Protein backbone atom coordinates (compact mmCIF):
# COMPACT_ATOMS: atom_id res chain seq x y z
CA TYR A 1 20.27 -6.65 -22.76
CA VAL A 2 17.37 -8.98 -23.42
CA ARG A 3 16.62 -8.90 -19.70
CA GLU A 4 16.80 -5.11 -19.67
CA GLU A 5 14.67 -4.79 -22.81
CA TYR A 6 11.84 -6.74 -21.20
CA GLY A 7 12.08 -5.15 -17.75
CA ILE A 8 13.62 -8.18 -16.02
CA PRO A 9 15.73 -7.40 -12.93
CA SER A 10 19.45 -8.08 -13.14
CA ARG A 11 21.07 -10.95 -11.27
CA GLU A 12 23.61 -10.77 -8.45
CA VAL A 13 26.57 -9.92 -10.65
CA HIS A 14 27.15 -6.24 -11.40
CA THR A 15 29.09 -5.09 -14.46
CA PRO A 16 29.32 -1.29 -14.12
CA ASN A 17 32.12 -0.88 -16.66
CA ILE A 18 30.47 -2.96 -19.38
CA ASP A 19 27.11 -1.33 -18.61
CA GLY A 20 28.73 2.10 -18.69
CA LEU A 21 30.20 1.49 -22.14
CA ALA A 22 26.87 0.19 -23.43
CA ALA A 23 25.03 3.20 -21.98
CA VAL A 24 27.11 5.62 -24.07
CA GLY A 25 27.16 3.42 -27.16
CA VAL A 26 24.72 1.61 -29.42
CA LYS A 27 23.22 -1.59 -28.00
CA LEU A 28 22.55 -4.27 -30.59
CA GLY A 29 19.36 -6.11 -29.75
CA ARG A 30 19.51 -8.67 -32.55
CA MET A 31 23.12 -9.76 -32.84
CA TYR A 32 23.45 -13.45 -33.69
CA ALA A 33 26.41 -15.81 -33.55
CA HIS A 34 26.97 -19.54 -33.95
CA HIS A 35 25.94 -21.69 -31.01
CA MET A 36 29.51 -22.57 -29.97
CA CYS A 37 32.86 -20.91 -29.81
CA SER A 38 35.22 -22.02 -32.60
CA PRO A 39 32.76 -21.52 -35.50
CA THR A 40 31.91 -17.99 -34.36
CA ARG A 41 35.57 -17.09 -33.96
CA VAL A 42 36.36 -18.42 -37.43
CA ALA A 43 33.35 -16.52 -38.78
CA ILE A 44 34.60 -13.22 -37.34
CA GLN A 45 38.17 -13.77 -38.52
CA SER A 46 37.05 -14.83 -42.02
CA GLY A 47 33.91 -12.74 -42.63
CA ARG A 48 31.83 -15.79 -43.48
CA ALA A 49 28.76 -17.45 -42.06
CA PRO A 50 29.82 -20.67 -40.31
CA ILE A 51 28.19 -22.75 -43.08
CA HIS A 52 30.78 -21.24 -45.43
CA ALA A 53 33.84 -21.57 -43.19
CA ASN A 54 33.45 -23.86 -40.17
CA VAL A 55 30.54 -25.24 -38.13
CA ALA A 56 32.57 -27.78 -36.14
CA ASN A 57 34.38 -27.75 -32.82
CA ALA A 58 36.95 -30.14 -34.24
CA PRO A 59 39.85 -31.05 -31.93
CA LEU A 60 43.03 -29.12 -32.72
CA TYR A 61 44.88 -32.30 -33.67
CA SER A 62 42.42 -32.97 -36.54
CA HIS A 63 44.10 -33.45 -39.90
CA ASN A 64 43.04 -34.74 -43.30
CA PRO A 65 46.19 -34.73 -45.47
CA GLU A 66 44.09 -35.17 -48.62
CA ASP A 67 42.65 -31.64 -48.22
CA PRO A 68 45.43 -29.03 -47.93
CA LEU A 69 42.95 -26.16 -47.54
CA GLY A 70 40.21 -27.39 -45.21
CA GLY A 71 41.60 -30.59 -43.72
CA PHE A 72 42.23 -29.06 -40.30
CA ALA A 73 40.40 -27.62 -37.33
CA GLY A 74 39.46 -23.96 -37.57
CA MET A 75 39.74 -21.53 -40.47
CA PRO A 76 40.66 -22.97 -43.86
CA ARG A 77 43.92 -22.01 -45.46
CA ASN A 78 43.75 -19.33 -48.17
CA MET A 79 40.92 -17.45 -46.47
CA THR A 80 42.04 -13.89 -45.74
CA GLY A 81 41.79 -12.94 -42.08
CA ILE A 82 40.45 -9.66 -40.73
CA ALA A 83 43.90 -8.68 -39.46
CA GLU A 84 45.31 -8.94 -42.99
CA VAL A 85 42.49 -6.69 -44.17
CA MET A 86 43.20 -4.14 -41.44
CA ARG A 87 46.93 -4.18 -42.14
CA SER A 88 46.22 -3.37 -45.78
CA GLY A 89 44.45 -0.26 -44.46
CA GLY A 90 47.48 0.86 -42.46
CA TYR A 91 46.53 -0.54 -39.05
CA ARG A 92 48.90 -2.16 -36.57
CA THR A 93 47.34 -5.46 -35.56
CA HIS A 94 47.45 -7.35 -32.26
CA PHE A 95 45.74 -10.48 -30.94
CA VAL A 96 45.36 -11.31 -27.26
CA GLY A 97 43.55 -14.25 -25.62
CA LYS A 98 41.66 -17.27 -26.90
CA TRP A 99 42.35 -18.02 -30.57
CA ASP A 100 40.39 -21.23 -31.32
CA ALA A 101 40.64 -20.73 -35.09
CA GLY A 102 43.24 -23.38 -35.88
CA ALA A 103 46.82 -24.27 -34.96
CA ALA A 104 48.07 -27.07 -37.22
CA SER A 105 50.42 -24.98 -39.37
CA PRO A 106 52.10 -21.57 -39.12
CA GLU A 107 49.41 -20.25 -41.48
CA HIS A 108 46.73 -21.14 -38.93
CA THR A 109 48.26 -19.05 -36.13
CA PRO A 110 47.42 -15.41 -35.40
CA ALA A 111 50.72 -14.41 -37.04
CA GLY A 112 49.77 -16.44 -40.10
CA ARG A 113 46.45 -14.59 -40.25
CA GLY A 114 47.98 -11.12 -40.22
CA TYR A 115 48.48 -10.21 -36.56
CA GLU A 116 51.83 -8.52 -36.01
CA THR A 117 51.90 -9.46 -32.34
CA SER A 118 49.97 -12.07 -30.41
CA LEU A 119 49.73 -13.67 -26.99
CA ASN A 120 47.25 -16.50 -27.10
CA PHE A 121 46.24 -20.04 -26.38
CA PHE A 122 45.12 -22.08 -29.37
CA GLY A 123 42.46 -24.43 -28.05
CA HIS A 124 38.84 -24.33 -26.98
CA THR A 125 40.01 -23.87 -23.39
CA ASN A 126 42.98 -24.42 -21.09
CA ASP A 127 43.77 -24.33 -17.39
CA PRO A 128 43.94 -20.67 -16.27
CA TRP A 129 46.82 -21.39 -13.86
CA THR A 130 48.95 -24.06 -15.55
CA PHE A 131 47.92 -23.37 -19.19
CA ALA A 132 47.49 -27.13 -19.70
CA ASN A 133 45.26 -28.16 -22.62
CA ASP A 134 43.73 -31.51 -21.63
CA GLY A 135 42.55 -32.05 -25.20
CA MET A 136 46.13 -32.07 -26.54
CA LYS A 137 48.40 -34.72 -25.06
CA CYS A 138 51.77 -36.26 -25.76
CA ASP A 139 52.54 -39.58 -24.07
CA SER A 140 49.36 -39.02 -22.05
CA LYS A 141 50.74 -35.74 -20.69
CA PRO A 142 48.72 -32.56 -21.39
CA LEU A 143 50.50 -29.95 -23.48
CA LEU A 144 50.85 -26.42 -22.18
CA ASP A 145 49.00 -24.05 -24.49
CA LEU A 146 50.32 -20.48 -24.40
CA PHE A 147 52.03 -18.92 -27.42
CA GLU A 148 53.44 -15.50 -28.30
CA MET A 149 54.66 -13.52 -31.26
CA ASP A 150 56.29 -10.08 -31.39
CA GLU A 151 58.80 -8.12 -33.44
CA THR A 152 61.73 -9.97 -31.83
CA THR A 153 60.34 -13.47 -32.49
CA PRO A 154 60.81 -15.52 -35.68
CA PHE A 155 57.56 -16.34 -37.51
CA PRO A 156 55.12 -17.72 -36.40
CA GLY A 157 56.06 -17.26 -32.74
CA ARG A 158 57.18 -19.33 -29.77
CA PRO A 159 55.76 -20.96 -26.64
CA ALA A 160 55.36 -18.33 -23.93
CA SER A 161 57.34 -20.33 -21.37
CA ARG A 162 58.60 -17.13 -19.73
CA LEU A 163 55.10 -16.62 -18.33
CA GLN A 164 54.82 -20.07 -16.80
CA ASN A 165 53.58 -20.20 -13.21
CA PRO A 166 55.45 -22.05 -10.43
CA GLU A 167 54.88 -25.77 -9.91
CA SER A 168 52.76 -25.02 -6.81
CA CYS A 169 50.08 -23.48 -9.04
CA ARG A 170 49.15 -26.96 -10.26
CA HIS A 171 47.44 -27.72 -6.98
CA PRO A 172 44.34 -26.28 -5.26
CA GLY A 173 44.90 -23.84 -2.43
CA PRO A 174 46.46 -20.39 -1.98
CA ARG A 175 47.99 -19.08 -5.19
CA LYS A 176 49.81 -15.96 -4.04
CA GLU A 177 52.66 -16.48 -6.52
CA CYS A 178 50.40 -17.50 -9.39
CA ILE A 179 49.22 -15.19 -12.15
CA TYR A 180 45.72 -15.78 -13.52
CA GLU A 181 45.93 -16.31 -17.28
CA ASP A 182 43.39 -13.63 -18.10
CA GLN A 183 45.40 -11.17 -16.00
CA ILE A 184 48.35 -11.90 -18.31
CA PHE A 185 46.10 -11.12 -21.26
CA ALA A 186 44.71 -7.91 -19.72
CA ASP A 187 48.23 -6.75 -18.89
CA ARG A 188 49.27 -7.39 -22.48
CA VAL A 189 46.40 -5.28 -23.83
CA GLN A 190 47.46 -2.42 -21.60
CA GLU A 191 51.09 -2.86 -22.66
CA ILE A 192 50.12 -2.56 -26.34
CA ILE A 193 48.21 0.65 -25.66
CA ARG A 194 51.04 2.21 -23.62
CA GLN A 195 53.66 1.34 -26.23
CA HIS A 196 51.67 2.66 -29.17
CA THR A 197 53.18 6.06 -29.92
CA SER A 198 52.97 6.27 -33.70
CA ALA A 199 50.33 8.08 -35.72
CA GLU A 200 49.24 4.79 -37.24
CA PRO A 201 45.88 3.43 -36.05
CA PHE A 202 45.81 0.10 -34.21
CA PHE A 203 43.46 -2.88 -34.12
CA ILE A 204 43.43 -5.03 -30.99
CA PHE A 205 41.40 -8.24 -30.90
CA TRP A 206 41.06 -9.07 -27.20
CA ALA A 207 39.39 -12.44 -26.59
CA PRO A 208 39.36 -13.20 -22.83
CA ARG A 209 39.15 -16.82 -21.67
CA VAL A 210 36.51 -15.99 -19.05
CA ALA A 211 33.75 -16.93 -18.61
CA HIS A 212 34.57 -20.29 -20.18
CA ALA A 213 35.08 -23.59 -18.39
CA PRO A 214 36.92 -24.50 -16.26
CA LEU A 215 35.14 -22.14 -13.87
CA GLU A 216 38.08 -20.77 -11.92
CA VAL A 217 38.82 -17.28 -10.71
CA PRO A 218 41.22 -15.70 -8.18
CA ASP A 219 40.13 -16.39 -4.59
CA GLN A 220 39.64 -12.72 -3.74
CA GLU A 221 37.13 -12.28 -6.53
CA LEU A 222 35.27 -15.43 -5.53
CA GLN A 223 34.92 -14.20 -1.96
CA GLU A 224 32.97 -11.17 -3.20
CA PHE A 225 30.21 -13.60 -4.18
CA SER A 226 30.16 -15.68 -1.01
CA PHE A 227 26.48 -14.75 -0.60
CA ILE A 228 25.65 -17.05 -3.56
CA ASP A 229 25.20 -20.56 -2.21
CA PHE A 230 25.37 -22.44 -5.54
CA PRO A 231 29.03 -23.00 -6.56
CA LYS A 232 28.67 -22.84 -10.35
CA ARG A 233 26.66 -19.62 -10.24
CA GLN A 234 29.07 -18.16 -7.72
CA GLU A 235 32.09 -18.97 -9.87
CA TYR A 236 30.50 -17.82 -13.13
CA SER A 237 29.36 -14.53 -11.58
CA ALA A 238 32.80 -13.92 -10.12
CA MET A 239 34.43 -14.50 -13.50
CA VAL A 240 32.12 -12.02 -15.21
CA ARG A 241 32.76 -9.43 -12.51
CA TRP A 242 36.51 -10.01 -12.78
CA LEU A 243 36.37 -9.34 -16.52
CA ASP A 244 34.29 -6.21 -16.03
CA LYS A 245 36.99 -4.71 -13.82
CA ARG A 246 39.70 -5.36 -16.42
CA ILE A 247 37.61 -3.83 -19.19
CA GLY A 248 37.23 -0.78 -16.97
CA GLY A 249 41.00 -0.62 -16.55
CA VAL A 250 41.61 -0.69 -20.30
CA VAL A 251 39.02 2.04 -20.94
CA GLN A 252 40.60 4.19 -18.22
CA LEU A 253 44.02 3.75 -19.82
CA LEU A 254 42.65 4.78 -23.22
CA MET A 255 41.39 7.97 -21.62
CA GLU A 256 44.68 8.63 -19.85
CA GLN A 257 46.56 8.12 -23.12
CA LYS A 258 44.11 10.48 -24.85
CA MET A 259 43.12 7.73 -27.27
CA TYR A 260 39.53 7.13 -26.19
CA ARG A 261 38.05 9.90 -28.34
CA ASP A 262 39.23 8.20 -31.54
CA THR A 263 38.59 4.61 -30.44
CA LEU A 264 35.75 2.32 -31.51
CA ILE A 265 35.08 -0.45 -28.98
CA ILE A 266 33.16 -3.51 -30.17
CA PHE A 267 31.78 -5.86 -27.51
CA SER A 268 30.35 -9.15 -28.80
CA SER A 269 29.93 -12.69 -27.46
CA ASP A 270 30.68 -15.87 -29.40
CA ASN A 271 27.62 -17.88 -28.25
CA GLY A 272 24.85 -17.97 -25.68
CA GLY A 273 25.52 -18.91 -22.07
CA PRO A 274 26.29 -22.58 -21.32
CA LEU A 275 23.44 -24.13 -19.36
CA GLY A 276 24.69 -26.31 -16.53
CA SER A 277 27.89 -24.29 -16.23
CA GLY A 278 26.72 -21.23 -14.33
CA ALA A 279 25.09 -19.20 -17.11
CA ASN A 280 21.50 -18.00 -17.42
CA ASN A 281 19.85 -16.97 -20.69
CA TYR A 282 16.41 -16.16 -19.26
CA PRO A 283 13.97 -15.32 -20.84
CA LEU A 284 15.45 -16.92 -23.95
CA ARG A 285 15.09 -20.62 -24.72
CA GLY A 286 18.12 -22.90 -24.87
CA GLY A 287 21.82 -22.17 -24.50
CA LYS A 288 25.23 -22.90 -25.92
CA HIS A 289 25.16 -25.81 -28.43
CA SER A 290 21.55 -24.99 -29.39
CA ASN A 291 20.05 -22.97 -32.25
CA PHE A 292 17.26 -21.72 -30.03
CA ASP A 293 17.86 -18.04 -29.35
CA GLY A 294 19.47 -18.73 -25.97
CA GLY A 295 22.33 -20.31 -27.86
CA VAL A 296 22.74 -17.87 -30.75
CA ARG A 297 21.36 -14.45 -29.79
CA VAL A 298 24.21 -12.72 -27.99
CA PRO A 299 24.93 -9.48 -26.10
CA ALA A 300 26.72 -6.91 -28.24
CA PHE A 301 27.26 -3.16 -28.51
CA VAL A 302 29.59 -0.57 -30.00
CA SER A 303 30.98 2.21 -27.86
CA GLY A 304 33.91 4.59 -27.48
CA GLY A 305 34.52 8.15 -28.52
CA PHE A 306 34.30 7.27 -32.21
CA VAL A 307 30.55 6.64 -31.93
CA PRO A 308 28.68 9.75 -33.16
CA GLU A 309 27.25 11.79 -30.29
CA ASN A 310 23.69 11.60 -31.61
CA ARG A 311 23.85 7.78 -31.55
CA ARG A 312 25.14 7.36 -28.01
CA GLY A 313 22.72 5.72 -25.62
CA SER A 314 20.61 4.18 -28.39
CA TRP A 315 19.38 0.75 -29.47
CA HIS A 316 19.41 -0.92 -32.86
CA SER A 317 17.12 -3.92 -33.25
CA GLY A 318 17.98 -4.81 -36.84
CA LEU A 319 19.23 -8.28 -37.73
CA MET A 320 23.03 -8.57 -37.46
CA ALA A 321 25.61 -11.37 -37.45
CA ALA A 322 28.95 -11.70 -35.70
CA TRP A 323 30.61 -12.20 -39.09
CA ASP A 324 29.38 -8.77 -40.17
CA TRP A 325 32.19 -7.21 -38.12
CA TYR A 326 34.56 -8.21 -40.94
CA ALA A 327 33.02 -5.95 -43.59
CA THR A 328 32.25 -3.28 -40.99
CA LEU A 329 35.89 -2.98 -39.95
CA ALA A 330 37.09 -3.17 -43.56
CA GLY A 331 34.74 -0.31 -44.41
CA LEU A 332 36.08 1.81 -41.57
CA ALA A 333 39.62 1.07 -42.76
CA GLN A 334 38.54 2.00 -46.29
CA VAL A 335 39.67 -1.28 -47.83
CA ASP A 336 37.98 -3.95 -49.93
CA HIS A 337 36.60 -6.81 -47.85
CA ARG A 338 36.18 -9.17 -50.78
CA ASP A 339 38.54 -12.14 -50.51
CA HIS A 340 40.25 -12.50 -53.89
CA ARG A 341 42.72 -15.12 -52.66
CA ALA A 342 39.89 -17.38 -51.50
CA PHE A 343 38.12 -16.90 -54.84
CA LYS A 344 41.20 -18.10 -56.72
CA SER A 345 41.35 -21.15 -54.45
CA GLY A 346 37.71 -22.07 -55.07
CA LEU A 347 36.68 -21.34 -51.47
CA PRO A 348 33.41 -19.66 -50.43
CA LEU A 349 33.44 -15.87 -50.61
CA THR A 350 32.74 -13.54 -47.72
CA ASP A 351 29.09 -12.93 -46.82
CA SER A 352 29.61 -10.08 -44.39
CA PHE A 353 27.68 -6.78 -44.37
CA ASP A 354 29.02 -3.37 -43.40
CA LEU A 355 26.95 -2.37 -40.35
CA TRP A 356 28.51 1.04 -39.79
CA PRO A 357 25.95 3.09 -41.77
CA ALA A 358 23.18 1.53 -39.67
CA LEU A 359 25.09 2.00 -36.41
CA SER A 360 26.22 5.56 -37.05
CA THR A 361 23.09 7.08 -38.63
CA TRP A 362 19.63 7.41 -37.10
CA GLY A 363 16.86 5.61 -38.95
CA THR A 364 19.12 3.42 -41.08
CA ASP A 365 18.10 -0.23 -41.29
CA SER A 366 20.52 -3.11 -41.00
CA PRO A 367 21.68 -4.25 -44.45
CA ARG A 368 21.12 -7.88 -43.41
CA ALA A 369 17.73 -9.27 -44.48
CA THR A 370 18.25 -12.95 -43.57
CA LEU A 371 20.59 -15.05 -41.48
CA VAL A 372 21.44 -18.72 -41.93
CA LEU A 373 22.03 -20.81 -38.81
CA GLY A 374 24.57 -23.57 -39.21
CA ASN A 375 25.02 -26.93 -37.54
CA THR A 376 26.78 -30.26 -37.86
CA LYS A 377 25.01 -33.42 -38.95
CA GLY A 378 24.11 -35.16 -35.73
CA GLY A 379 23.92 -31.86 -33.86
CA TYR A 380 25.64 -31.75 -30.48
CA HIS A 381 26.77 -35.36 -30.85
CA GLY A 382 28.34 -34.62 -34.25
CA ARG A 383 29.98 -31.35 -33.27
CA HIS A 384 33.54 -32.60 -33.85
CA TYR A 385 33.39 -34.12 -37.33
CA GLY A 386 29.79 -33.91 -38.56
CA ASP A 387 29.05 -32.65 -42.06
CA THR A 388 27.94 -29.04 -42.49
CA VAL A 389 24.16 -28.62 -42.52
CA VAL A 390 21.76 -25.69 -42.38
CA GLY A 391 20.07 -25.63 -38.97
CA GLY A 392 17.64 -22.81 -39.56
CA ILE A 393 16.79 -19.48 -41.18
CA ILE A 394 16.01 -16.13 -39.57
CA PHE A 395 13.77 -14.06 -41.82
CA PRO A 396 12.55 -11.21 -39.59
CA PRO A 397 10.41 -11.46 -37.64
CA TYR A 398 10.33 -15.23 -38.18
CA LYS A 399 12.73 -18.04 -37.45
CA LEU A 400 12.68 -21.57 -38.84
CA LEU A 401 14.51 -24.26 -36.86
CA LEU A 402 15.61 -27.55 -38.38
CA GLY A 403 16.60 -30.30 -35.97
CA VAL A 404 19.66 -32.20 -37.17
CA SER A 405 19.98 -34.92 -34.53
CA ALA A 406 18.26 -38.30 -34.88
CA GLY A 407 14.52 -37.81 -35.39
CA TYR A 408 14.97 -34.12 -36.35
CA ARG A 409 15.61 -33.17 -32.74
CA GLU A 410 17.02 -29.80 -31.68
CA HIS A 411 19.32 -29.64 -28.69
CA LEU A 412 18.37 -27.87 -25.43
CA GLY A 413 14.76 -26.88 -26.02
CA VAL A 414 14.43 -25.68 -22.42
CA TRP A 415 13.96 -22.46 -20.48
CA SER A 416 15.92 -21.31 -17.44
CA SER A 417 14.24 -19.77 -14.43
CA PRO A 418 15.26 -16.21 -13.51
CA ASN A 419 17.47 -17.40 -10.63
CA ALA A 420 19.05 -20.45 -12.30
CA PRO A 421 21.32 -22.27 -11.90
CA ASN A 422 20.61 -23.42 -8.36
CA SER A 423 20.43 -26.62 -6.31
CA SER A 424 17.35 -27.79 -8.22
CA SER A 425 18.96 -27.30 -11.65
CA PHE A 426 19.99 -30.13 -13.95
CA ASP A 427 23.48 -31.60 -13.74
CA SER A 428 23.95 -32.54 -17.38
CA ILE A 429 22.75 -30.92 -20.59
CA ASN A 430 22.60 -34.40 -22.12
CA SER A 431 19.52 -35.13 -20.00
CA LEU A 432 17.53 -32.14 -21.25
CA GLU A 433 14.60 -32.08 -23.63
CA GLU A 434 15.30 -32.19 -27.36
CA PRO A 435 12.08 -31.21 -29.17
CA VAL A 436 11.36 -32.37 -32.70
CA CYS A 437 11.90 -29.67 -35.35
CA GLY A 438 11.13 -31.55 -38.53
CA ARG A 439 10.65 -30.67 -42.18
CA SER A 440 6.90 -30.47 -42.45
CA PRO A 441 4.36 -28.07 -40.93
CA GLU A 442 3.03 -30.98 -38.84
CA ASN A 443 6.28 -31.54 -36.94
CA GLY A 444 8.24 -28.39 -37.72
CA CYS A 445 9.40 -25.42 -35.62
CA LEU A 446 8.54 -21.86 -36.65
CA PHE A 447 8.58 -18.87 -34.30
CA ASN A 448 8.02 -15.12 -34.42
CA VAL A 449 11.13 -14.31 -32.40
CA TRP A 450 10.57 -10.56 -32.55
CA GLY A 451 7.21 -10.93 -30.81
CA ASP A 452 7.86 -14.17 -28.91
CA GLU A 453 11.43 -13.82 -27.68
CA GLY A 454 11.23 -17.02 -25.61
CA GLU A 455 10.11 -19.18 -28.57
CA HIS A 456 7.08 -20.48 -26.70
CA HIS A 457 4.52 -20.46 -29.54
CA ASN A 458 5.19 -22.73 -32.50
CA LEU A 459 3.54 -21.35 -35.65
CA ALA A 460 4.42 -24.18 -38.05
CA LYS A 461 0.98 -25.81 -38.11
CA SER A 462 -0.98 -22.55 -38.19
CA ASN A 463 1.13 -21.01 -40.96
CA PRO A 464 2.18 -23.83 -43.30
CA GLU A 465 2.76 -21.50 -46.28
CA LEU A 466 5.36 -19.48 -44.39
CA PHE A 467 6.97 -22.63 -43.01
CA LEU A 468 7.38 -24.10 -46.51
CA LYS A 469 8.71 -20.79 -47.85
CA LEU A 470 11.46 -20.68 -45.23
CA LEU A 471 12.16 -24.39 -45.69
CA ALA A 472 12.70 -23.78 -49.40
CA MET A 473 15.15 -20.98 -48.52
CA ALA A 474 17.01 -23.34 -46.18
CA ASN A 475 17.19 -26.01 -48.88
CA GLU A 476 18.73 -23.52 -51.31
CA GLU A 477 21.30 -22.47 -48.71
CA GLN A 478 22.19 -26.11 -48.13
CA LYS A 479 23.46 -26.25 -51.71
CA THR A 480 26.11 -23.62 -50.86
CA VAL A 481 27.63 -25.11 -47.70
CA TYR A 482 31.34 -25.72 -47.26
CA SER A 483 31.85 -29.14 -45.69
CA PRO A 484 35.46 -30.35 -45.76
CA LYS A 485 36.54 -33.56 -44.07
CA ARG A 486 38.70 -32.09 -41.32
CA GLY A 487 39.72 -35.32 -39.65
CA GLN A 488 38.28 -38.37 -37.96
CA GLU A 489 38.12 -40.27 -34.73
CA GLY A 490 41.56 -41.59 -33.90
CA ASP A 491 43.40 -38.42 -34.96
CA ASP A 492 44.45 -37.99 -31.33
CA GLU A 493 46.38 -41.26 -31.44
CA ARG A 494 48.07 -40.25 -34.68
CA PHE A 495 48.93 -36.87 -33.18
CA GLN A 496 50.51 -38.49 -30.12
CA ALA A 497 52.53 -40.75 -32.39
CA SER A 498 54.01 -37.63 -34.04
CA CYS A 499 54.79 -35.79 -30.80
CA SER A 500 58.51 -35.92 -31.43
CA THR A 501 58.32 -34.45 -34.93
CA GLY A 502 57.67 -30.80 -34.12
CA SER A 503 54.26 -30.65 -32.46
CA THR A 504 55.77 -29.86 -29.07
CA GLU A 505 58.67 -28.01 -27.56
CA VAL A 506 60.24 -28.97 -24.23
CA LEU A 507 60.88 -25.87 -22.13
CA GLN A 508 61.64 -25.79 -18.43
CA GLY A 509 60.73 -29.45 -18.17
CA ASN A 510 57.26 -29.02 -19.73
CA LEU A 511 55.81 -29.83 -23.11
CA PHE A 512 54.50 -26.72 -24.87
CA MET A 513 52.23 -26.90 -27.88
CA ARG A 514 53.21 -25.33 -31.21
CA PRO A 515 52.15 -25.69 -34.88
CA TRP A 516 53.29 -29.10 -36.09
CA LEU A 517 52.73 -29.09 -39.86
CA ALA A 518 54.58 -27.18 -42.55
């Protein structure tokens, strides 16, 4: 929507179903997330800014036995998940797709967080044909990462071995007998809708794997983009188009089931597009793994028949955060979003705002006045186990950036061209410019992102008073961060040593991943 807002022509990929939903909903011009996937997903599930829940992309096998609450990847124990909140309001709850919010114990699974049914993979990514998670291995063999839970399954669920593709799907070439993982997820969403016959409302959290690496899509979809001569852009565009068609199918089913009129659809991304992997964030600066707006300002809208008629087809440009969906949904369910269990455990409280009054009523401002950007000490290079640090403050219309890598550098301070990526694009994000964003007006980074959406004009030197004001705000926020020791380098070796003690399940000759701690 940034491209549309500034009159920039669309690229080759067309998304008529997503665009159609946005056109009859409320487009959110200033929705922000964390700059990578797991922290944003934990933020949405927990209702907390990443600095108060998780800023790291820690490997799933991470474990610090000295911290029973936060010594794991993902969402800390004793934080109440959004599904638990919705269930307290009488909703049936279902999770489908990429979880990436923890897997070490049953409490970390979707079932442990309040979802009655789930079909998911746990990790940052997996192979869309074999379901192999290369980041989780046992005896050097990747574990298969696909898990399910329903009313017939003992808590917290079981490996979804029944959905395993034939052996031939492990190899490149025709895959006529192979089912694309996201097709399994889309089919499950439709199954939930068809089977829902009660008067109780339902809450479905659908988190597709696309368009995440590895960039793979069914051959037929890829052929539709044969006119694109750069493979990564071709594959990425095909994945986005594939998803658009499945979203259209789900919306059509809601209409056929006469559910659309009472349904609220929330569309929101977990981070900016990954530069070097087919995405394009033009005209924004940066991308995934960066706190420049290309990494944290994301496309989002609300739609569906539940949106008031006088708000359909509108924009809202107020400051909003992905973790605000927590309080927004709790408000719609008419339940308290405050996390009393976390309070008793000494964990950070929720810092989510109810956006619905602003979204449903003309002329109502967003309740959010500031937004804190999180990071790990060491930035991109510390993303697995780095300490929690504040990486910036958004105080409309201004944004302060604080580099956290060596020399106060901020990752990916670059701009894409309108037709990137192409044959002249970079091959590795590690080779890209990392500008200095220090802690003084002389070497700091301050932008008016409402007037300078591409973050071209640094105001730090010309407005030192404002820079120091926002720096003081960031320093105060740093005092509140949650920074558990989740694990350390070498945890993968310790995990492999425990492979026989419950972390895997052998089914049909393959090792499937499952929670491995009590």
